[in-house]
C-alpha atoms as a PDB file:
ATOM      1  CA  MET A   1      -7.801 -18.509 -12.374  1.00  0.00           C
ATOM      2  CA  PRO A   2      -9.876 -17.302 -15.320  1.00  0.00           C
ATOM      3  CA  VAL A   3     -12.652 -14.832 -14.550  1.00  0.00           C
ATOM      4  CA  LYS A   4     -14.911 -13.675 -17.386  1.00  0.00           C
ATOM      5  CA  PRO A   5     -15.875 -10.981 -17.863  1.00  0.00           C
ATOM      6  CA  LEU A   6     -13.622  -9.266 -15.346  1.00  0.00           C
ATOM      7  CA  LYS A   7     -15.346  -6.635 -13.183  1.00  0.00           C
ATOM      8  CA  VAL A   8     -12.873  -5.046 -10.814  1.00  0.00           C
ATOM      9  CA  LEU A   9     -13.256  -3.244  -7.497  1.00  0.00           C
ATOM     10  CA  ILE A  10     -10.268  -0.982  -6.730  1.00  0.00           C
ATOM     11  CA  THR A  11      -9.754  -0.213  -3.028  1.00  0.00           C
ATOM     12  CA  ARG A  12      -6.617   1.946  -3.287  1.00  0.00           C
ATOM     13  CA  PRO A  13      -6.420   5.504  -1.935  1.00  0.00           C
ATOM     14  CA  LYS A  14      -8.056   8.003  -4.277  1.00  0.00           C
ATOM     15  CA  ALA A  15      -5.112   9.197  -6.396  1.00  0.00           C
ATOM     16  CA  LYS A  16      -3.736   5.700  -7.010  1.00  0.00           C
ATOM     17  CA  ALA A  17      -7.233   4.337  -7.607  1.00  0.00           C
ATOM     18  CA  GLN A  18      -7.775   6.944 -10.311  1.00  0.00           C
ATOM     19  CA  GLN A  19      -4.454   6.065 -11.926  1.00  0.00           C
ATOM     20  CA  LEU A  20      -5.246   2.350 -12.044  1.00  0.00           C
ATOM     21  CA  ALA A  21      -8.806   3.006 -13.232  1.00  0.00           C
ATOM     22  CA  LEU A  22      -7.461   5.036 -16.157  1.00  0.00           C
ATOM     23  CA  LEU A  23      -5.192   2.185 -17.242  1.00  0.00           C
ATOM     24  CA  LEU A  24      -7.989  -0.368 -16.916  1.00  0.00           C
ATOM     25  CA  ASN A  25     -10.373   1.828 -18.882  1.00  0.00           C
ATOM     26  CA  GLN A  26      -7.812   1.993 -21.677  1.00  0.00           C
ATOM     27  CA  GLN A  27      -7.821  -1.813 -21.759  1.00  0.00           C
ATOM     28  CA  GLY A  28     -11.603  -2.008 -21.714  1.00  0.00           C
ATOM     29  CA  ILE A  29     -11.709  -3.639 -18.279  1.00  0.00           C
ATOM     30  CA  VAL A  30     -14.824  -2.756 -16.293  1.00  0.00           C
ATOM     31  CA  ASN A  31     -13.946  -1.271 -12.909  1.00  0.00           C
ATOM     32  CA  THR A  32     -15.230   0.765 -10.006  1.00  0.00           C
ATOM     33  CA  SER A  33     -13.372   2.350  -7.092  1.00  0.00           C
ATOM     34  CA  GLN A  34     -14.086   2.649  -3.388  1.00  0.00           C
ATOM     35  CA  THR A  35     -11.547   4.383  -1.183  1.00  0.00           C
ATOM     36  CA  LEU A  36     -11.832   3.088   2.378  1.00  0.00           C
ATOM     37  CA  PHE A  37     -10.066   5.927   4.187  1.00  0.00           C
ATOM     38  CA  ASP A  38      -9.004   9.546   3.912  1.00  0.00           C
ATOM     39  CA  TYR A  39      -5.711  11.141   4.927  1.00  0.00           C
ATOM     40  CA  GLN A  40      -5.217  13.706   7.683  1.00  0.00           C
ATOM     41  CA  LYS A  41      -2.073  15.543   8.814  1.00  0.00           C
ATOM     42  CA  ASN A  42      -0.556  14.066  11.958  1.00  0.00           C
ATOM     43  CA  ALA A  43       3.091  14.969  12.733  1.00  0.00           C
ATOM     44  CA  SER A  44       4.313  18.410  13.795  1.00  0.00           C
ATOM     45  CA  ALA A  45       7.240  20.349  12.344  1.00  0.00           C
ATOM     46  CA  HIS A  46       9.066  19.864  15.648  1.00  0.00           C
ATOM     47  CA  ASP A  47       8.596  16.080  15.514  1.00  0.00           C
ATOM     48  CA  ILE A  48      10.075  15.879  12.034  1.00  0.00           C
ATOM     49  CA  ALA A  49      12.935  18.314  12.646  1.00  0.00           C
ATOM     50  CA  THR A  50      13.967  16.421  15.777  1.00  0.00           C
ATOM     51  CA  ALA A  51      13.823  13.102  13.937  1.00  0.00           C
ATOM     52  CA  LEU A  52      16.037  14.382  11.134  1.00  0.00           C
ATOM     53  CA  GLU A  53      18.662  15.480  13.646  1.00  0.00           C
ATOM     54  CA  ASN A  54      18.869  11.994  15.119  1.00  0.00           C
ATOM     55  CA  ALA A  55      18.819   9.610  12.178  1.00  0.00           C
ATOM     56  CA  ASP A  56      21.234   7.829   9.865  1.00  0.00           C
ATOM     57  CA  ILE A  57      18.612   6.339   7.543  1.00  0.00           C
ATOM     58  CA  LEU A  58      15.193   7.595   6.431  1.00  0.00           C
ATOM     59  CA  ILE A  59      12.573   5.245   4.992  1.00  0.00           C
ATOM     60  CA  PHE A  60       9.431   6.590   3.322  1.00  0.00           C
ATOM     61  CA  VAL A  61       6.696   4.001   2.855  1.00  0.00           C
ATOM     62  CA  SER A  62       4.202   5.892   0.679  1.00  0.00           C
ATOM     63  CA  VAL A  63       3.537   9.011  -1.352  1.00  0.00           C
ATOM     64  CA  ALA A  64       1.305  10.271   1.470  1.00  0.00           C
ATOM     65  CA  ALA A  65       4.144   9.812   3.973  1.00  0.00           C
ATOM     66  CA  VAL A  66       6.325  12.078   1.822  1.00  0.00           C
ATOM     67  CA  GLU A  67       3.699  14.697   1.050  1.00  0.00           C
ATOM     68  CA  PHE A  68       2.387  15.098   4.587  1.00  0.00           C
ATOM     69  CA  ALA A  69       5.876  15.182   6.102  1.00  0.00           C
ATOM     70  CA  HIS A  70       6.943  17.831   3.598  1.00  0.00           C
ATOM     71  CA  ALA A  71       3.781  19.860   4.226  1.00  0.00           C
ATOM     72  CA  SER A  72       4.443  19.854   7.973  1.00  0.00           C
ATOM     73  CA  TYR A  73       8.175  20.553   7.699  1.00  0.00           C
ATOM     74  CA  PRO A  74       9.725  21.276   4.277  1.00  0.00           C
ATOM     75  CA  LEU A  75      12.308  18.530   3.843  1.00  0.00           C
ATOM     76  CA  PRO A  76      15.738  19.817   2.755  1.00  0.00           C
ATOM     77  CA  ASN A  77      16.956  18.369  -0.543  1.00  0.00           C
ATOM     78  CA  ASN A  78      20.500  18.025   0.797  1.00  0.00           C
ATOM     79  CA  LEU A  79      19.808  15.625   3.651  1.00  0.00           C
ATOM     80  CA  SER A  80      22.877  13.710   4.807  1.00  0.00           C
ATOM     81  CA  GLN A  81      20.951  10.551   5.659  1.00  0.00           C
ATOM     82  CA  THR A  82      20.606   7.561   3.349  1.00  0.00           C
ATOM     83  CA  ILE A  83      17.080   7.722   1.944  1.00  0.00           C
ATOM     84  CA  PHE A  84      14.890   4.782   0.950  1.00  0.00           C
ATOM     85  CA  ALA A  85      11.493   4.581  -0.735  1.00  0.00           C
ATOM     86  CA  VAL A  86       9.343   1.442  -0.670  1.00  0.00           C
ATOM     87  CA  GLY A  87       8.193   1.912  -4.264  1.00  0.00           C
ATOM     88  CA  ASN A  88       8.706   3.929  -7.417  1.00  0.00           C
ATOM     89  CA  ALA A  89       5.734   6.233  -6.789  1.00  0.00           C
ATOM     90  CA  THR A  90       7.187   7.158  -3.402  1.00  0.00           C
ATOM     91  CA  LYS A  91      10.597   7.657  -5.006  1.00  0.00           C
ATOM     92  CA  LYS A  92       9.045  10.045  -7.538  1.00  0.00           C
ATOM     93  CA  ALA A  93       7.340  11.965  -4.721  1.00  0.00           C
ATOM     94  CA  LEU A  94      10.737  12.449  -3.063  1.00  0.00           C
ATOM     95  CA  GLN A  95      12.284  13.527  -6.359  1.00  0.00           C
ATOM     96  CA  ALA A  96       9.451  16.025  -6.800  1.00  0.00           C
ATOM     97  CA  ILE A  97      10.578  17.848  -3.650  1.00  0.00           C
ATOM     98  CA  GLY A  98      14.182  17.946  -4.826  1.00  0.00           C
ATOM     99  CA  MET A  99      15.801  14.781  -3.504  1.00  0.00           C
ATOM    100  CA  THR A 100      18.026  12.960  -5.950  1.00  0.00           C
ATOM    101  CA  THR A 101      19.769  10.020  -4.267  1.00  0.00           C
ATOM    102  CA  ILE A 102      17.036   7.574  -3.294  1.00  0.00           C
ATOM    103  CA  LEU A 103      17.277   3.814  -2.965  1.00  0.00           C
ATOM    104  CA  SER A 104      14.255   1.632  -3.737  1.00  0.00           C
ATOM    105  CA  PRO A 105      13.429  -1.969  -4.701  1.00  0.00           C
ATOM    106  CA  PRO A 106      13.103  -3.052  -8.352  1.00  0.00           C
ATOM    107  CA  PRO A 107       9.652  -2.865 -10.009  1.00  0.00           C
ATOM    108  CA  GLN A 108       8.584  -6.425  -9.175  1.00  0.00           C
ATOM    109  CA  GLN A 109       9.452  -5.988  -5.486  1.00  0.00           C
ATOM    110  CA  GLU A 110       7.852  -2.692  -4.504  1.00  0.00           C
ATOM    111  CA  HIS A 111       6.814  -3.781  -1.028  1.00  0.00           C
ATOM    112  CA  SER A 112       8.237  -4.303   2.459  1.00  0.00           C
ATOM    113  CA  GLU A 113       9.964  -7.564   1.596  1.00  0.00           C
ATOM    114  CA  GLY A 114      11.570  -6.046  -1.483  1.00  0.00           C
ATOM    115  CA  LEU A 115      12.891  -3.115   0.521  1.00  0.00           C
ATOM    116  CA  LEU A 116      14.374  -5.410   3.149  1.00  0.00           C
ATOM    117  CA  LYS A 117      16.248  -7.348   0.447  1.00  0.00           C
ATOM    118  CA  LEU A 118      18.267  -4.278  -0.558  1.00  0.00           C
ATOM    119  CA  PRO A 119      21.940  -4.846   0.353  1.00  0.00           C
ATOM    120  CA  GLN A 120      22.188  -1.361   1.856  1.00  0.00           C
ATOM    121  CA  LEU A 121      19.825  -2.493   4.625  1.00  0.00           C
ATOM    122  CA  SER A 122      21.536  -5.807   5.339  1.00  0.00           C
ATOM    123  CA  LYS A 123      24.091  -4.408   7.810  1.00  0.00           C
ATOM    124  CA  VAL A 124      22.438  -1.825  10.035  1.00  0.00           C
ATOM    125  CA  ILE A 125      23.770  -2.632  13.502  1.00  0.00           C
ATOM    126  CA  GLY A 126      23.683   0.568  15.555  1.00  0.00           C
ATOM    127  CA  LYS A 127      22.045   2.596  12.776  1.00  0.00           C
ATOM    128  CA  ARG A 128      19.296   5.039  13.741  1.00  0.00           C
ATOM    129  CA  ILE A 129      16.429   4.567  11.323  1.00  0.00           C
ATOM    130  CA  ILE A 130      13.309   6.706  10.978  1.00  0.00           C
ATOM    131  CA  ILE A 131      10.324   5.247   9.119  1.00  0.00           C
ATOM    132  CA  PHE A 132       7.898   7.820   7.751  1.00  0.00           C
ATOM    133  CA  ARG A 133       4.422   6.287   7.601  1.00  0.00           C
ATOM    134  CA  GLY A 134       0.792   6.785   8.592  1.00  0.00           C
ATOM    135  CA  ASN A 135      -0.753   5.766  11.892  1.00  0.00           C
ATOM    136  CA  GLY A 136       0.135   2.101  11.890  1.00  0.00           C
ATOM    137  CA  GLY A 137       1.375  -0.283   9.234  1.00  0.00           C
ATOM    138  CA  ARG A 138       4.770  -1.450   7.975  1.00  0.00           C
ATOM    139  CA  GLU A 139       5.636  -3.103  11.299  1.00  0.00           C
ATOM    140  CA  HIS A 140       7.361  -5.849   9.306  1.00  0.00           C
ATOM    141  CA  ILE A 141      10.014  -3.363   8.170  1.00  0.00           C
ATOM    142  CA  ALA A 142      10.629  -2.054  11.678  1.00  0.00           C
ATOM    143  CA  ASN A 143      10.662  -5.501  13.273  1.00  0.00           C
ATOM    144  CA  SER A 144      13.085  -6.887  10.686  1.00  0.00           C
ATOM    145  CA  LEU A 145      15.485  -3.954  10.956  1.00  0.00           C
ATOM    146  CA  THR A 146      15.364  -4.115  14.751  1.00  0.00           C
ATOM    147  CA  LEU A 147      16.342  -7.785  14.584  1.00  0.00           C
ATOM    148  CA  ARG A 148      19.277  -6.726  12.404  1.00  0.00           C
ATOM    149  CA  GLY A 149      20.483  -4.450  15.190  1.00  0.00           C
ATOM    150  CA  ALA A 150      19.083  -1.073  14.159  1.00  0.00           C
ATOM    151  CA  GLU A 151      17.373   1.464  16.399  1.00  0.00           C
ATOM    152  CA  VAL A 152      14.044   2.134  14.675  1.00  0.00           C
ATOM    153  CA  ARG A 153      11.532   4.903  15.284  1.00  0.00           C
ATOM    154  CA  TYR A 154       8.439   6.097  13.442  1.00  0.00           C
ATOM    155  CA  ILE A 155       7.285   9.478  12.268  1.00  0.00           C
ATOM    156  CA  GLU A 156       3.570   9.149  11.584  1.00  0.00           C
ATOM    157  CA  SER A 157       3.270  12.076   9.213  1.00  0.00           C
ATOM    158  CA  TYR A 158      -0.392  11.369   8.482  1.00  0.00           C
ATOM    159  CA  GLN A 159      -3.223   9.317   9.844  1.00  0.00           C
ATOM    160  CA  ARG A 160      -5.910   7.327   8.112  1.00  0.00           C
ATOM    161  CA  VAL A 161      -9.480   8.260   8.862  1.00  0.00           C
ATOM    162  CA  TRP A 162     -11.508   5.201   7.965  1.00  0.00           C
ATOM    163  CA  ARG A 163     -14.827   5.762   6.273  1.00  0.00           C
ATOM    164  CA  THR A 164     -18.065   4.238   7.513  1.00  0.00           C
ATOM    165  CA  LEU A 165     -19.613   2.682   4.436  1.00  0.00           C
ATOM    166  CA  PRO A 166     -23.379   2.119   4.298  1.00  0.00           C
ATOM    167  CA  ILE A 167     -24.777  -1.331   3.540  1.00  0.00           C
ATOM    168  CA  ILE A 168     -25.957  -0.144   0.132  1.00  0.00           C
ATOM    169  CA  ILE A 169     -22.355   0.018  -1.120  1.00  0.00           C
ATOM    170  CA  ALA A 170     -21.916  -3.750  -0.748  1.00  0.00           C
ATOM    171  CA  GLU A 171     -25.299  -4.258  -2.389  1.00  0.00           C
ATOM    172  CA  GLN A 172     -24.160  -2.127  -5.317  1.00  0.00           C
ATOM    173  CA  TRP A 173     -21.031  -4.251  -5.730  1.00  0.00           C
ATOM    174  CA  ARG A 174     -23.174  -7.364  -6.012  1.00  0.00           C
ATOM    175  CA  ALA A 175     -25.516  -5.628  -8.454  1.00  0.00           C
ATOM    176  CA  GLN A 176     -22.503  -4.587 -10.535  1.00  0.00           C
ATOM    177  CA  LYS A 177     -21.347  -8.237 -10.489  1.00  0.00           C
ATOM    178  CA  ILE A 178     -17.944  -7.379  -9.036  1.00  0.00           C
ATOM    179  CA  ASN A 179     -15.836 -10.534  -9.284  1.00  0.00           C
ATOM    180  CA  CYS A 180     -12.324  -9.216  -8.630  1.00  0.00           C
ATOM    181  CA  ILE A 181     -11.035  -6.998  -5.806  1.00  0.00           C
ATOM    182  CA  VAL A 182      -7.652  -5.233  -5.770  1.00  0.00           C
ATOM    183  CA  VAL A 183      -6.143  -4.928  -2.276  1.00  0.00           C
ATOM    184  CA  THR A 184      -2.756  -3.291  -1.705  1.00  0.00           C
ATOM    185  CA  SER A 185      -2.314  -3.458   2.086  1.00  0.00           C
ATOM    186  CA  ASN A 186      -3.191  -5.677   5.015  1.00  0.00           C
ATOM    187  CA  ASP A 187      -5.033  -2.805   6.684  1.00  0.00           C
ATOM    188  CA  ILE A 188      -7.302  -2.429   3.654  1.00  0.00           C
ATOM    189  CA  LEU A 189      -7.810  -6.197   3.499  1.00  0.00           C
ATOM    190  CA  LEU A 190      -8.888  -6.388   7.139  1.00  0.00           C
ATOM    191  CA  ALA A 191     -11.135  -3.330   6.919  1.00  0.00           C
ATOM    192  CA  LEU A 192     -12.821  -4.594   3.767  1.00  0.00           C
ATOM    193  CA  LEU A 193     -13.424  -8.088   5.132  1.00  0.00           C
ATOM    194  CA  LYS A 194     -14.856  -6.614   8.337  1.00  0.00           C
ATOM    195  CA  TYR A 195     -17.222  -4.454   6.298  1.00  0.00           C
ATOM    196  CA  LEU A 196     -18.304  -7.340   4.070  1.00  0.00           C
ATOM    197  CA  ALA A 197     -18.898  -9.568   7.101  1.00  0.00           C
ATOM    198  CA  SER A 198     -21.149  -6.905   8.617  1.00  0.00           C
ATOM    199  CA  THR A 199     -23.200  -6.457   5.445  1.00  0.00           C
ATOM    200  CA  THR A 200     -23.463 -10.011   4.127  1.00  0.00           C
ATOM    201  CA  ASN A 201     -25.575 -12.943   5.286  1.00  0.00           C
ATOM    202  CA  SER A 202     -23.423 -15.452   7.161  1.00  0.00           C
ATOM    203  CA  THR A 203     -24.441 -18.207   4.727  1.00  0.00           C
ATOM    204  CA  ASP A 204     -23.322 -16.183   1.707  1.00  0.00           C
ATOM    205  CA  ASN A 205     -19.694 -17.050   0.942  1.00  0.00           C
ATOM    206  CA  TYR A 206     -19.453 -15.329  -2.442  1.00  0.00           C
ATOM    207  CA  TRP A 207     -16.713 -12.883  -1.448  1.00  0.00           C
ATOM    208  CA  GLN A 208     -14.635 -15.550   0.308  1.00  0.00           C
ATOM    209  CA  SER A 209     -15.005 -18.406  -2.169  1.00  0.00           C
ATOM    210  CA  GLN A 210     -15.938 -17.080  -5.598  1.00  0.00           C
ATOM    211  CA  CYS A 211     -14.519 -13.569  -5.852  1.00  0.00           C
ATOM    212  CA  LEU A 212     -10.915 -13.207  -7.058  1.00  0.00           C
ATOM    213  CA  TRP A 213      -8.644 -11.155  -4.791  1.00  0.00           C
ATOM    214  CA  VAL A 214      -5.597  -9.504  -6.347  1.00  0.00           C
ATOM    215  CA  VAL A 215      -2.914  -8.642  -3.780  1.00  0.00           C
ATOM    216  CA  VAL A 216       0.561  -7.170  -4.124  1.00  0.00           C
ATOM    217  CA  SER A 217       2.876  -9.035  -1.739  1.00  0.00           C
ATOM    218  CA  ASP A 218       3.578 -12.396  -0.138  1.00  0.00           C
ATOM    219  CA  ARG A 219       2.478 -11.165   3.301  1.00  0.00           C
ATOM    220  CA  ILE A 220      -0.908  -9.982   2.065  1.00  0.00           C
ATOM    221  CA  GLU A 221      -1.360 -13.218   0.116  1.00  0.00           C
ATOM    222  CA  LYS A 222      -0.582 -15.260   3.224  1.00  0.00           C
ATOM    223  CA  ASN A 223      -2.974 -13.229   5.364  1.00  0.00           C
ATOM    224  CA  ALA A 224      -5.731 -13.351   2.757  1.00  0.00           C
ATOM    225  CA  LYS A 225      -5.570 -17.136   2.589  1.00  0.00           C
ATOM    226  CA  ALA A 226      -5.403 -17.412   6.381  1.00  0.00           C
ATOM    227  CA  LEU A 227      -8.574 -15.328   6.553  1.00  0.00           C
ATOM    228  CA  GLY A 228     -10.381 -17.816   4.349  1.00  0.00           C
ATOM    229  CA  LEU A 229     -10.137 -16.289   0.878  1.00  0.00           C
ATOM    230  CA  LYS A 230      -9.977 -19.071  -1.691  1.00  0.00           C
ATOM    231  CA  ARG A 231      -8.970 -17.297  -4.903  1.00  0.00           C
ATOM    232  CA  VAL A 232      -5.921 -15.083  -4.392  1.00  0.00           C
ATOM    233  CA  ILE A 233      -3.506 -13.784  -7.043  1.00  0.00           C
ATOM    234  CA  ASN A 234      -0.208 -12.149  -6.020  1.00  0.00           C
ATOM    235  CA  THR A 235       1.175  -9.540  -8.439  1.00  0.00           C
ATOM    236  CA  HIS A 236       4.458  -9.165  -6.485  1.00  0.00           C
ATOM    237  CA  GLY A 237       4.327  -5.422  -7.085  1.00  0.00           C
ATOM    238  CA  ALA A 238       2.031  -2.524  -6.252  1.00  0.00           C
ATOM    239  CA  SER A 239       2.514  -0.165  -9.186  1.00  0.00           C
ATOM    240  CA  SER A 240      -0.536   0.659 -11.267  1.00  0.00           C
ATOM    241  CA  GLN A 241       1.137  -0.752 -14.372  1.00  0.00           C
ATOM    242  CA  ILE A 242       1.939  -4.090 -12.738  1.00  0.00           C
ATOM    243  CA  LEU A 243      -1.619  -4.347 -11.434  1.00  0.00           C
ATOM    244  CA  CYS A 244      -3.024  -3.455 -14.841  1.00  0.00           C
ATOM    245  CA  ASN A 245      -0.816  -6.024 -16.576  1.00  0.00           C
ATOM    246  CA  THR A 246      -2.000  -8.744 -14.199  1.00  0.00           C
ATOM    247  CA  LEU A 247      -5.661  -7.834 -14.598  1.00  0.00           C
ATOM    248  CA  GLN A 248      -5.297  -7.648 -18.363  1.00  0.00           C
ATOM    249  CA  ALA A 249      -3.761 -11.135 -18.403  1.00  0.00           C
ATOM    250  CA  LEU A 250      -6.596 -12.440 -16.238  1.00  0.00           C
ATOM    251  CA  SER A 251      -9.200 -10.896 -18.508  1.00  0.00           C
ATOM    252  CA  CYS A 252      -7.636 -12.596 -21.535  1.00  0.00           C
ATOM    253  CA  SER A 253      -7.101 -16.024 -19.964  1.00  0.00           C
END
């Protein structure tokens, strides 16, 4: 799916957007960023302490899940539970607070499906699992582990506060000739499509038919196509380097 010249819209949370933008700038790929939500503390110290007392397995789904949990209740670095991280960035966030034994998927599978393929999560009958996340998301992990016989609960250590974007933002994207959008979660995909639908003439199908959408997992790819997006590329990984490599290849094709 060649797109020339590539002009990328990054919709990741601020810190990860900045990281990807830096890599793209180094490759000479034009890009702009628009974070769609901000983070806000959600869980109490009591919630987290109680969860830790009643769990066999802990799963952290994002850097924010780690940082906000640790800010609310400093996580001991000698936890007895088996600890999982969905991706390498989350693993590094756990290591930064002193944890050393952390299981995570390989680089090309840093998503829910990759986590669920780990052999350590294949036999979890009767296991008490706590998933650290924001307010909503990652239901696929919980549903799959429940079907495998685990008892799954959430700690929503942070919540997303979605921004209300003015119409002018979408107009600026068109003026900038954005032709590629990076989306790293289904929540972001749905929020962005809702915004574009509210700011675009119903007869204008540019975003659905002509724009290239770069997603990071099979589930997001499936949802994007089901929602009518015609040009979807799946990187099979959410790290900034994997995304940059894909975008660089697209810009050279």
